[in-house]
C-alpha atoms as a PDB file:
ATOM      1  CA  MET A   1     -32.674 -39.764  24.423  1.00  0.00           C
ATOM      2  CA  LYS A   2     -29.080 -40.119  26.779  1.00  0.00           C
ATOM      3  CA  ILE A   3     -29.607 -43.204  28.842  1.00  0.00           C
ATOM      4  CA  ILE A   4     -28.393 -41.539  31.851  1.00  0.00           C
ATOM      5  CA  ASP A   5     -31.704 -39.698  31.294  1.00  0.00           C
ATOM      6  CA  ILE A   6     -33.830 -43.079  31.069  1.00  0.00           C
ATOM      7  CA  LEU A   7     -31.868 -44.083  34.532  1.00  0.00           C
ATOM      8  CA  LYS A   8     -33.158 -41.129  36.303  1.00  0.00           C
ATOM      9  CA  GLU A   9     -36.722 -41.771  35.502  1.00  0.00           C
ATOM     10  CA  ASN A  10     -38.791 -43.626  38.465  1.00  0.00           C
ATOM     11  CA  LYS A  11     -40.068 -46.350  37.159  1.00  0.00           C
ATOM     12  CA  LEU A  12     -39.065 -50.198  36.144  1.00  0.00           C
ATOM     13  CA  THR A  13     -37.357 -50.777  32.940  1.00  0.00           C
ATOM     14  CA  LEU A  14     -35.799 -53.540  30.693  1.00  0.00           C
ATOM     15  CA  SER A  15     -33.271 -53.117  28.085  1.00  0.00           C
ATOM     16  CA  PHE A  16     -32.275 -55.610  25.265  1.00  0.00           C
ATOM     17  CA  GLU A  17     -28.539 -56.190  23.551  1.00  0.00           C
ATOM     18  CA  VAL A  18     -28.591 -57.243  19.907  1.00  0.00           C
ATOM     19  CA  PHE A  19     -25.637 -57.772  17.937  1.00  0.00           C
ATOM     20  CA  PRO A  20     -24.926 -56.699  13.733  1.00  0.00           C
ATOM     21  CA  PRO A  21     -24.648 -58.660  10.717  1.00  0.00           C
ATOM     22  CA  LYS A  22     -20.699 -60.898  10.454  1.00  0.00           C
ATOM     23  CA  THR A  23     -21.639 -59.675   6.792  1.00  0.00           C
ATOM     24  CA  GLU A  24     -23.669 -58.103   4.160  1.00  0.00           C
ATOM     25  CA  THR A  25     -25.774 -61.438   3.302  1.00  0.00           C
ATOM     26  CA  ALA A  26     -26.807 -61.851   6.898  1.00  0.00           C
ATOM     27  CA  PHE A  27     -27.953 -58.009   7.203  1.00  0.00           C
ATOM     28  CA  ASP A  28     -31.446 -58.160   6.286  1.00  0.00           C
ATOM     29  CA  SER A  29     -32.592 -60.826   9.029  1.00  0.00           C
ATOM     30  CA  VAL A  30     -30.458 -59.552  11.718  1.00  0.00           C
ATOM     31  CA  ARG A  31     -32.623 -56.041  10.620  1.00  0.00           C
ATOM     32  CA  GLN A  32     -35.444 -57.846  10.856  1.00  0.00           C
ATOM     33  CA  ALA A  33     -34.703 -59.734  14.427  1.00  0.00           C
ATOM     34  CA  THR A  34     -33.763 -56.078  15.635  1.00  0.00           C
ATOM     35  CA  GLU A  35     -36.353 -54.911  14.606  1.00  0.00           C
ATOM     36  CA  GLU A  36     -38.708 -57.231  16.195  1.00  0.00           C
ATOM     37  CA  ILE A  37     -37.039 -56.893  19.363  1.00  0.00           C
ATOM     38  CA  ALA A  38     -37.447 -53.037  19.053  1.00  0.00           C
ATOM     39  CA  SER A  39     -41.320 -53.387  18.370  1.00  0.00           C
ATOM     40  CA  LEU A  40     -41.690 -54.444  22.066  1.00  0.00           C
ATOM     41  CA  SER A  41     -40.855 -50.953  23.156  1.00  0.00           C
ATOM     42  CA  PRO A  42     -37.682 -51.209  25.323  1.00  0.00           C
ATOM     43  CA  ALA A  43     -36.277 -48.347  26.961  1.00  0.00           C
ATOM     44  CA  PHE A  44     -33.457 -48.701  24.878  1.00  0.00           C
ATOM     45  CA  MET A  45     -31.444 -51.232  22.924  1.00  0.00           C
ATOM     46  CA  SER A  46     -27.945 -51.682  23.121  1.00  0.00           C
ATOM     47  CA  VAL A  47     -25.488 -52.678  19.635  1.00  0.00           C
ATOM     48  CA  THR A  48     -22.698 -55.002  19.857  1.00  0.00           C
ATOM     49  CA  TYR A  49     -19.446 -53.527  18.381  1.00  0.00           C
ATOM     50  CA  GLY A  50     -18.781 -55.640  14.551  1.00  0.00           C
ATOM     51  CA  ALA A  51     -15.113 -55.622  15.001  1.00  0.00           C
ATOM     52  CA  GLY A  52     -12.825 -55.142  12.058  1.00  0.00           C
ATOM     53  CA  GLY A  53     -13.613 -54.244   8.235  1.00  0.00           C
ATOM     54  CA  GLY A  54     -16.916 -52.710   7.081  1.00  0.00           C
ATOM     55  CA  THR A  55     -18.697 -54.826   9.942  1.00  0.00           C
ATOM     56  CA  SER A  56     -18.058 -52.181  12.311  1.00  0.00           C
ATOM     57  CA  LYS A  57     -20.173 -49.681   9.968  1.00  0.00           C
ATOM     58  CA  TYR A  58     -23.230 -52.402  10.527  1.00  0.00           C
ATOM     59  CA  THR A  59     -23.460 -51.723  14.571  1.00  0.00           C
ATOM     60  CA  LEU A  60     -24.090 -48.025  13.426  1.00  0.00           C
ATOM     61  CA  ASP A  61     -26.466 -48.895  11.097  1.00  0.00           C
ATOM     62  CA  ILE A  62     -28.873 -50.869  12.904  1.00  0.00           C
ATOM     63  CA  ALA A  63     -28.065 -48.972  15.666  1.00  0.00           C
ATOM     64  CA  LYS A  64     -29.550 -46.320  13.349  1.00  0.00           C
ATOM     65  CA  ASN A  65     -32.668 -48.034  12.006  1.00  0.00           C
ATOM     66  CA  ILE A  66     -33.789 -49.310  15.104  1.00  0.00           C
ATOM     67  CA  TYR A  67     -34.241 -45.701  16.124  1.00  0.00           C
ATOM     68  CA  GLU A  68     -35.133 -44.566  12.491  1.00  0.00           C
ATOM     69  CA  THR A  69     -38.054 -47.482  13.026  1.00  0.00           C
ATOM     70  CA  HIS A  70     -39.338 -47.525  16.143  1.00  0.00           C
ATOM     71  CA  GLY A  71     -38.337 -45.239  17.676  1.00  0.00           C
ATOM     72  CA  VAL A  72     -36.337 -47.187  20.391  1.00  0.00           C
ATOM     73  CA  PRO A  73     -33.335 -45.480  22.243  1.00  0.00           C
ATOM     74  CA  THR A  74     -30.039 -47.068  21.314  1.00  0.00           C
ATOM     75  CA  LEU A  75     -26.357 -47.541  22.559  1.00  0.00           C
ATOM     76  CA  ALA A  76     -23.792 -48.296  20.450  1.00  0.00           C
ATOM     77  CA  HIS A  77     -21.016 -50.272  21.562  1.00  0.00           C
ATOM     78  CA  LEU A  78     -17.566 -49.539  20.730  1.00  0.00           C
ATOM     79  CA  THR A  79     -14.274 -51.143  21.021  1.00  0.00           C
ATOM     80  CA  CYS A  80     -10.436 -49.825  21.210  1.00  0.00           C
ATOM     81  CA  VAL A  81      -8.275 -52.733  21.557  1.00  0.00           C
ATOM     82  CA  SER A  82      -5.122 -52.506  18.848  1.00  0.00           C
ATOM     83  CA  SER A  83      -6.583 -49.449  17.270  1.00  0.00           C
ATOM     84  CA  THR A  84      -5.172 -46.141  16.250  1.00  0.00           C
ATOM     85  CA  LYS A  85      -6.069 -43.241  17.567  1.00  0.00           C
ATOM     86  CA  GLU A  86      -6.868 -41.851  14.140  1.00  0.00           C
ATOM     87  CA  THR A  87      -8.765 -45.286  13.593  1.00  0.00           C
ATOM     88  CA  VAL A  88     -11.067 -44.295  17.140  1.00  0.00           C
ATOM     89  CA  ARG A  89     -10.914 -40.697  16.596  1.00  0.00           C
ATOM     90  CA  SER A  90     -12.825 -41.856  12.437  1.00  0.00           C
ATOM     91  CA  ARG A  91     -15.708 -44.101  14.330  1.00  0.00           C
ATOM     92  CA  ILE A  92     -16.601 -41.481  16.933  1.00  0.00           C
ATOM     93  CA  GLU A  93     -16.956 -38.923  13.419  1.00  0.00           C
ATOM     94  CA  ASP A  94     -19.022 -41.898  12.297  1.00  0.00           C
ATOM     95  CA  ILE A  95     -21.096 -41.764  15.403  1.00  0.00           C
ATOM     96  CA  LYS A  96     -21.826 -38.749  15.556  1.00  0.00           C
ATOM     97  CA  GLN A  97     -22.514 -38.433  12.239  1.00  0.00           C
ATOM     98  CA  ALA A  98     -24.929 -41.343  12.380  1.00  0.00           C
ATOM     99  CA  GLY A  99     -27.136 -39.247  14.907  1.00  0.00           C
ATOM    100  CA  ILE A 100     -26.032 -41.726  17.906  1.00  0.00           C
ATOM    101  CA  THR A 101     -25.730 -40.263  21.472  1.00  0.00           C
ATOM    102  CA  ASN A 102     -25.070 -43.323  23.409  1.00  0.00           C
ATOM    103  CA  VAL A 103     -21.845 -44.892  23.250  1.00  0.00           C
ATOM    104  CA  MET A 104     -20.954 -48.066  25.515  1.00  0.00           C
ATOM    105  CA  ALA A 105     -16.970 -47.752  25.825  1.00  0.00           C
ATOM    106  CA  LEU A 106     -14.963 -51.084  25.933  1.00  0.00           C
ATOM    107  CA  ARG A 107     -11.563 -52.577  25.438  1.00  0.00           C
ATOM    108  CA  GLY A 108     -12.490 -55.765  23.001  1.00  0.00           C
ATOM    109  CA  ASP A 109     -11.072 -58.762  23.263  1.00  0.00           C
ATOM    110  CA  ILE A 110      -7.711 -59.280  22.907  1.00  0.00           C
ATOM    111  CA  PRO A 111      -7.132 -61.440  19.558  1.00  0.00           C
ATOM    112  CA  GLU A 112      -5.169 -63.955  19.711  1.00  0.00           C
ATOM    113  CA  SER A 113      -2.807 -63.243  17.067  1.00  0.00           C
ATOM    114  CA  MET A 114      -1.848 -60.219  19.597  1.00  0.00           C
ATOM    115  CA  ALA A 115      -1.596 -61.593  22.492  1.00  0.00           C
ATOM    116  CA  ASN A 116       2.151 -61.401  22.742  1.00  0.00           C
ATOM    117  CA  GLU A 117       2.906 -58.412  21.471  1.00  0.00           C
ATOM    118  CA  ASP A 118       3.985 -55.062  23.583  1.00  0.00           C
ATOM    119  CA  ARG A 119       0.693 -53.546  24.624  1.00  0.00           C
ATOM    120  CA  SER A 120       2.879 -50.578  25.786  1.00  0.00           C
ATOM    121  CA  ARG A 121       3.487 -49.295  22.492  1.00  0.00           C
ATOM    122  CA  TRP A 122      -0.784 -49.484  21.828  1.00  0.00           C
ATOM    123  CA  ASP A 123      -1.783 -45.874  21.785  1.00  0.00           C
ATOM    124  CA  TYR A 124      -5.068 -47.707  23.818  1.00  0.00           C
ATOM    125  CA  ARG A 125      -4.298 -50.433  26.179  1.00  0.00           C
ATOM    126  CA  TYR A 126      -7.754 -50.137  28.331  1.00  0.00           C
ATOM    127  CA  ALA A 127     -11.282 -48.968  28.299  1.00  0.00           C
ATOM    128  CA  ILE A 128     -10.269 -45.907  30.349  1.00  0.00           C
ATOM    129  CA  ASP A 129      -8.011 -45.036  27.245  1.00  0.00           C
ATOM    130  CA  LEU A 130     -11.618 -44.900  24.969  1.00  0.00           C
ATOM    131  CA  VAL A 131     -13.463 -43.389  28.040  1.00  0.00           C
ATOM    132  CA  ARG A 132     -11.329 -40.543  28.016  1.00  0.00           C
ATOM    133  CA  GLU A 133     -10.761 -40.428  24.419  1.00  0.00           C
ATOM    134  CA  LEU A 134     -14.128 -40.111  23.594  1.00  0.00           C
ATOM    135  CA  ARG A 135     -15.208 -37.565  26.536  1.00  0.00           C
ATOM    136  CA  ALA A 136     -12.381 -35.222  24.508  1.00  0.00           C
ATOM    137  CA  CYS A 137     -13.425 -35.897  21.089  1.00  0.00           C
ATOM    138  CA  ALA A 138     -17.411 -35.672  21.912  1.00  0.00           C
ATOM    139  CA  PRO A 139     -18.442 -34.246  25.189  1.00  0.00           C
ATOM    140  CA  ASP A 140     -22.019 -34.582  24.514  1.00  0.00           C
ATOM    141  CA  LEU A 141     -22.165 -38.441  24.185  1.00  0.00           C
ATOM    142  CA  CYS A 142     -23.523 -40.683  26.947  1.00  0.00           C
ATOM    143  CA  ILE A 143     -21.012 -42.863  28.123  1.00  0.00           C
ATOM    144  CA  GLY A 144     -21.495 -46.619  29.498  1.00  0.00           C
ATOM    145  CA  GLY A 145     -19.048 -48.233  30.791  1.00  0.00           C
ATOM    146  CA  ALA A 146     -18.493 -52.169  32.089  1.00  0.00           C
ATOM    147  CA  CYS A 147     -18.014 -53.951  35.190  1.00  0.00           C
ATOM    148  CA  TYR A 148     -17.802 -57.296  37.177  1.00  0.00           C
ATOM    149  CA  PRO A 149     -19.485 -58.047  39.615  1.00  0.00           C
ATOM    150  CA  GLU A 150     -16.808 -61.188  40.251  1.00  0.00           C
ATOM    151  CA  LYS A 151     -14.052 -59.175  38.942  1.00  0.00           C
ATOM    152  CA  HIS A 152     -12.567 -58.267  35.254  1.00  0.00           C
ATOM    153  CA  PRO A 153     -10.919 -61.943  34.744  1.00  0.00           C
ATOM    154  CA  GLU A 154      -7.251 -60.248  33.947  1.00  0.00           C
ATOM    155  CA  SER A 155      -7.556 -58.548  37.322  1.00  0.00           C
ATOM    156  CA  ALA A 156      -5.696 -60.028  40.162  1.00  0.00           C
ATOM    157  CA  ASN A 157      -8.379 -59.500  42.530  1.00  0.00           C
ATOM    158  CA  GLN A 158     -11.584 -57.649  43.226  1.00  0.00           C
ATOM    159  CA  ALA A 159     -10.100 -54.487  45.176  1.00  0.00           C
ATOM    160  CA  GLU A 160      -7.493 -54.158  42.595  1.00  0.00           C
ATOM    161  CA  ASP A 161     -10.708 -54.217  39.747  1.00  0.00           C
ATOM    162  CA  ILE A 162     -12.370 -51.518  41.743  1.00  0.00           C
ATOM    163  CA  ASN A 163     -10.317 -49.378  42.025  1.00  0.00           C
ATOM    164  CA  HIS A 164      -9.856 -49.411  37.646  1.00  0.00           C
ATOM    165  CA  LEU A 165     -13.570 -49.305  38.085  1.00  0.00           C
ATOM    166  CA  VAL A 166     -13.209 -45.988  40.021  1.00  0.00           C
ATOM    167  CA  GLU A 167     -10.200 -44.083  37.591  1.00  0.00           C
ATOM    168  CA  LYS A 168     -13.173 -45.143  34.772  1.00  0.00           C
ATOM    169  CA  VAL A 169     -15.940 -43.406  36.462  1.00  0.00           C
ATOM    170  CA  GLU A 170     -13.856 -40.275  36.397  1.00  0.00           C
ATOM    171  CA  ALA A 171     -12.514 -40.514  33.576  1.00  0.00           C
ATOM    172  CA  GLY A 172     -16.403 -40.167  32.324  1.00  0.00           C
ATOM    173  CA  CYS A 173     -18.652 -42.787  32.089  1.00  0.00           C
ATOM    174  CA  ASP A 174     -21.903 -41.790  33.038  1.00  0.00           C
ATOM    175  CA  PHE A 175     -23.432 -45.134  33.888  1.00  0.00           C
ATOM    176  CA  LEU A 176     -22.312 -48.544  33.854  1.00  0.00           C
ATOM    177  CA  THR A 177     -23.291 -52.396  32.848  1.00  0.00           C
ATOM    178  CA  THR A 178     -22.492 -55.106  34.694  1.00  0.00           C
ATOM    179  CA  GLN A 179     -21.074 -58.527  32.930  1.00  0.00           C
ATOM    180  CA  MET A 180     -23.884 -61.509  33.210  1.00  0.00           C
ATOM    181  CA  PHE A 181     -24.252 -62.907  36.508  1.00  0.00           C
ATOM    182  CA  PHE A 182     -26.170 -66.023  37.725  1.00  0.00           C
ATOM    183  CA  ASP A 183     -26.446 -65.252  41.361  1.00  0.00           C
ATOM    184  CA  ASN A 184     -27.921 -61.952  42.375  1.00  0.00           C
ATOM    185  CA  ASN A 185     -25.940 -62.158  45.837  1.00  0.00           C
ATOM    186  CA  LEU A 186     -23.332 -61.249  43.997  1.00  0.00           C
ATOM    187  CA  LEU A 187     -24.572 -58.206  42.633  1.00  0.00           C
ATOM    188  CA  TYR A 188     -25.995 -56.800  45.611  1.00  0.00           C
ATOM    189  CA  ASN A 189     -22.431 -57.576  47.149  1.00  0.00           C
ATOM    190  CA  PHE A 190     -20.545 -55.966  44.336  1.00  0.00           C
ATOM    191  CA  LEU A 191     -22.953 -53.013  44.608  1.00  0.00           C
ATOM    192  CA  TYR A 192     -22.142 -52.371  48.143  1.00  0.00           C
ATOM    193  CA  LYS A 193     -18.665 -52.421  47.515  1.00  0.00           C
ATOM    194  CA  ILE A 194     -18.547 -50.168  44.561  1.00  0.00           C
ATOM    195  CA  ARG A 195     -20.185 -47.252  46.535  1.00  0.00           C
ATOM    196  CA  GLN A 196     -18.220 -47.437  49.536  1.00  0.00           C
ATOM    197  CA  ALA A 197     -15.889 -46.875  46.847  1.00  0.00           C
ATOM    198  CA  GLY A 198     -16.973 -43.812  45.569  1.00  0.00           C
ATOM    199  CA  VAL A 199     -18.838 -45.050  42.867  1.00  0.00           C
ATOM    200  CA  THR A 200     -22.202 -43.272  42.200  1.00  0.00           C
ATOM    201  CA  VAL A 201     -23.242 -43.403  38.721  1.00  0.00           C
ATOM    202  CA  PRO A 202     -26.203 -46.019  37.973  1.00  0.00           C
ATOM    203  CA  VAL A 203     -25.436 -49.316  37.505  1.00  0.00           C
ATOM    204  CA  ILE A 204     -27.692 -51.846  35.040  1.00  0.00           C
ATOM    205  CA  PRO A 205     -27.260 -55.445  35.925  1.00  0.00           C
ATOM    206  CA  GLY A 206     -26.641 -57.422  32.886  1.00  0.00           C
ATOM    207  CA  ILE A 207     -29.240 -60.651  32.800  1.00  0.00           C
ATOM    208  CA  MET A 208     -28.195 -63.519  30.391  1.00  0.00           C
ATOM    209  CA  PRO A 209     -30.721 -66.024  29.601  1.00  0.00           C
ATOM    210  CA  ILE A 210     -29.139 -69.237  28.933  1.00  0.00           C
ATOM    211  CA  THR A 211     -31.499 -71.015  26.701  1.00  0.00           C
ATOM    212  CA  ASN A 212     -29.970 -74.509  25.247  1.00  0.00           C
ATOM    213  CA  ALA A 213     -26.825 -76.009  27.160  1.00  0.00           C
ATOM    214  CA  ASN A 214     -24.605 -75.102  24.718  1.00  0.00           C
ATOM    215  CA  GLN A 215     -24.772 -71.525  25.692  1.00  0.00           C
ATOM    216  CA  VAL A 216     -23.588 -72.585  29.456  1.00  0.00           C
ATOM    217  CA  ASP A 217     -19.783 -73.170  29.154  1.00  0.00           C
ATOM    218  CA  ARG A 218     -19.493 -70.240  26.566  1.00  0.00           C
ATOM    219  CA  ALA A 219     -21.126 -68.121  28.606  1.00  0.00           C
ATOM    220  CA  ILE A 220     -18.881 -69.083  31.815  1.00  0.00           C
ATOM    221  CA  LYS A 221     -15.723 -68.702  29.535  1.00  0.00           C
ATOM    222  CA  LEU A 222     -16.543 -64.987  28.534  1.00  0.00           C
ATOM    223  CA  SER A 223     -17.986 -63.878  31.585  1.00  0.00           C
ATOM    224  CA  GLY A 224     -15.933 -65.941  34.319  1.00  0.00           C
ATOM    225  CA  SER A 225     -19.470 -65.918  36.330  1.00  0.00           C
ATOM    226  CA  LEU A 226     -19.935 -68.466  38.889  1.00  0.00           C
ATOM    227  CA  VAL A 227     -22.817 -70.946  38.680  1.00  0.00           C
ATOM    228  CA  PRO A 228     -24.746 -71.679  41.230  1.00  0.00           C
ATOM    229  CA  GLN A 229     -25.718 -74.853  42.157  1.00  0.00           C
ATOM    230  CA  ARG A 230     -29.470 -74.571  41.257  1.00  0.00           C
ATOM    231  CA  PHE A 231     -28.390 -73.680  37.867  1.00  0.00           C
ATOM    232  CA  LYS A 232     -26.208 -76.381  37.159  1.00  0.00           C
ATOM    233  CA  SER A 233     -29.149 -78.288  38.339  1.00  0.00           C
ATOM    234  CA  LEU A 234     -31.870 -76.902  35.533  1.00  0.00           C
ATOM    235  CA  VAL A 235     -28.858 -77.762  32.844  1.00  0.00           C
ATOM    236  CA  ASP A 236     -28.972 -81.206  34.009  1.00  0.00           C
ATOM    237  CA  LYS A 237     -32.309 -81.713  34.434  1.00  0.00           C
ATOM    238  CA  PHE A 238     -33.307 -80.136  30.992  1.00  0.00           C
ATOM    239  CA  GLY A 239     -30.544 -79.749  29.210  1.00  0.00           C
ATOM    240  CA  SER A 240     -31.155 -82.160  26.663  1.00  0.00           C
ATOM    241  CA  ASN A 241     -34.645 -81.086  25.865  1.00  0.00           C
ATOM    242  CA  PRO A 242     -34.519 -78.304  23.852  1.00  0.00           C
ATOM    243  CA  ASN A 243     -37.834 -76.793  24.561  1.00  0.00           C
ATOM    244  CA  ALA A 244     -37.986 -77.469  28.316  1.00  0.00           C
ATOM    245  CA  MET A 245     -34.562 -75.851  28.778  1.00  0.00           C
ATOM    246  CA  LYS A 246     -35.074 -72.737  26.961  1.00  0.00           C
ATOM    247  CA  GLN A 247     -37.945 -72.254  29.151  1.00  0.00           C
ATOM    248  CA  ALA A 248     -36.471 -73.221  32.002  1.00  0.00           C
ATOM    249  CA  GLY A 249     -33.578 -70.868  30.956  1.00  0.00           C
ATOM    250  CA  ILE A 250     -36.122 -67.945  30.429  1.00  0.00           C
ATOM    251  CA  ALA A 251     -38.019 -68.424  33.974  1.00  0.00           C
ATOM    252  CA  TYR A 252     -34.605 -68.422  35.779  1.00  0.00           C
ATOM    253  CA  ALA A 253     -33.427 -65.182  33.871  1.00  0.00           C
ATOM    254  CA  THR A 254     -36.973 -64.183  34.683  1.00  0.00           C
ATOM    255  CA  ASP A 255     -36.662 -64.968  38.247  1.00  0.00           C
ATOM    256  CA  GLN A 256     -33.453 -62.764  38.600  1.00  0.00           C
ATOM    257  CA  ILE A 257     -35.189 -59.750  36.978  1.00  0.00           C
ATOM    258  CA  ILE A 258     -37.807 -60.249  39.471  1.00  0.00           C
ATOM    259  CA  ASP A 259     -35.696 -60.605  42.925  1.00  0.00           C
ATOM    260  CA  LEU A 260     -33.775 -57.577  41.605  1.00  0.00           C
ATOM    261  CA  PHE A 261     -37.159 -55.088  41.397  1.00  0.00           C
ATOM    262  CA  ALA A 262     -37.791 -56.426  44.309  1.00  0.00           C
ATOM    263  CA  ASN A 263     -34.669 -55.322  46.032  1.00  0.00           C
ATOM    264  CA  GLY A 264     -34.783 -51.333  44.520  1.00  0.00           C
ATOM    265  CA  ILE A 265     -33.406 -52.617  41.025  1.00  0.00           C
ATOM    266  CA  GLN A 266     -35.256 -50.239  38.709  1.00  0.00           C
ATOM    267  CA  ASN A 267     -32.895 -50.827  35.113  1.00  0.00           C
ATOM    268  CA  VAL A 268     -32.554 -54.353  34.017  1.00  0.00           C
ATOM    269  CA  HIS A 269     -30.554 -54.719  30.627  1.00  0.00           C
ATOM    270  CA  VAL A 270     -31.018 -58.491  29.212  1.00  0.00           C
ATOM    271  CA  TYR A 271     -28.450 -60.303  27.030  1.00  0.00           C
ATOM    272  CA  SER A 272     -31.316 -61.470  24.011  1.00  0.00           C
ATOM    273  CA  MET A 273     -28.944 -60.979  21.334  1.00  0.00           C
ATOM    274  CA  ASN A 274     -30.756 -61.644  18.476  1.00  0.00           C
ATOM    275  CA  LYS A 275     -33.762 -63.699  19.485  1.00  0.00           C
ATOM    276  CA  PRO A 276     -37.236 -62.200  19.717  1.00  0.00           C
ATOM    277  CA  ASP A 277     -39.260 -64.885  21.354  1.00  0.00           C
ATOM    278  CA  VAL A 278     -36.719 -64.616  24.087  1.00  0.00           C
ATOM    279  CA  ALA A 279     -37.553 -60.911  24.333  1.00  0.00           C
ATOM    280  CA  LYS A 280     -41.450 -61.416  23.916  1.00  0.00           C
ATOM    281  CA  MET A 281     -41.240 -64.877  26.739  1.00  0.00           C
ATOM    282  CA  ILE A 282     -39.746 -62.504  29.455  1.00  0.00           C
ATOM    283  CA  LEU A 283     -41.651 -59.308  28.675  1.00  0.00           C
ATOM    284  CA  SER A 284     -44.651 -61.442  28.865  1.00  0.00           C
ATOM    285  CA  ASN A 285     -43.014 -62.741  32.302  1.00  0.00           C
ATOM    286  CA  LEU A 286     -42.870 -59.436  33.896  1.00  0.00           C
ATOM    287  CA  SER A 287     -45.934 -57.984  31.953  1.00  0.00           C
ATOM    288  CA  ASP A 288     -48.313 -56.359  35.173  1.00  0.00           C
ATOM    289  CA  ILE A 289     -45.021 -56.144  37.221  1.00  0.00           C
ATOM    290  CA  LEU A 290     -43.429 -53.969  34.543  1.00  0.00           C
ATOM    291  CA  GLY A 291     -47.152 -52.373  34.134  1.00  0.00           C
END
């Protein structure tokens, strides 16, 4: 089932994100964790991209297994940074052969070893290049793209970032998923601005439950997210107590999701990663709300 069709349904939904193993020896444990999350019957599950070597294959293996074992629609991530056209086209064929119908088109992080390279020589410099490639090579795929409520870290300002987002949607994105954020007002402001700019495709807010204090710095580094004082106080108070921090972090994420639902958002994506217990606790907190 295509994600865009799920988003057209008039009901509240949660989806979850997982990641593939880095090595073959870890495959079974990752598969088990992802199957546990799939057994909770989320609207869909996204599988992040394992960059380099054989790990890119694991993304499709995990995505295919989720659908075949539990019937949960899957969204496979695909990145293009520094890749050749031949490599990307081969991966698109692999996606089609695996029966995957949904792809999240991302540029991907630039490796430190390539940070100073002349990017003008790359076949794909930005995510929009991958969106165009996917639309040309696999027109039937449902294509998702990323967006940033607080602007992409490499954009000069939000206006520039939104202009690029408009171009990416026009290139063929069917829907967008946001980077994590910790203040819902940032999302509401962002949605107003992109709708004014002409972006009409569905936007799925992405929520990251912070379940240990060590995640905070990494989350900020990855997303560039502003952290409200309310959240900082939570970490200061409970960060040294793992069980309390986990409970408080899930409560904070749940509160964000409830506020989103209450303000007209119908679909929320949870960056649960490979943590079935986190997914279960959030679903339990929302059991009557989701119905």
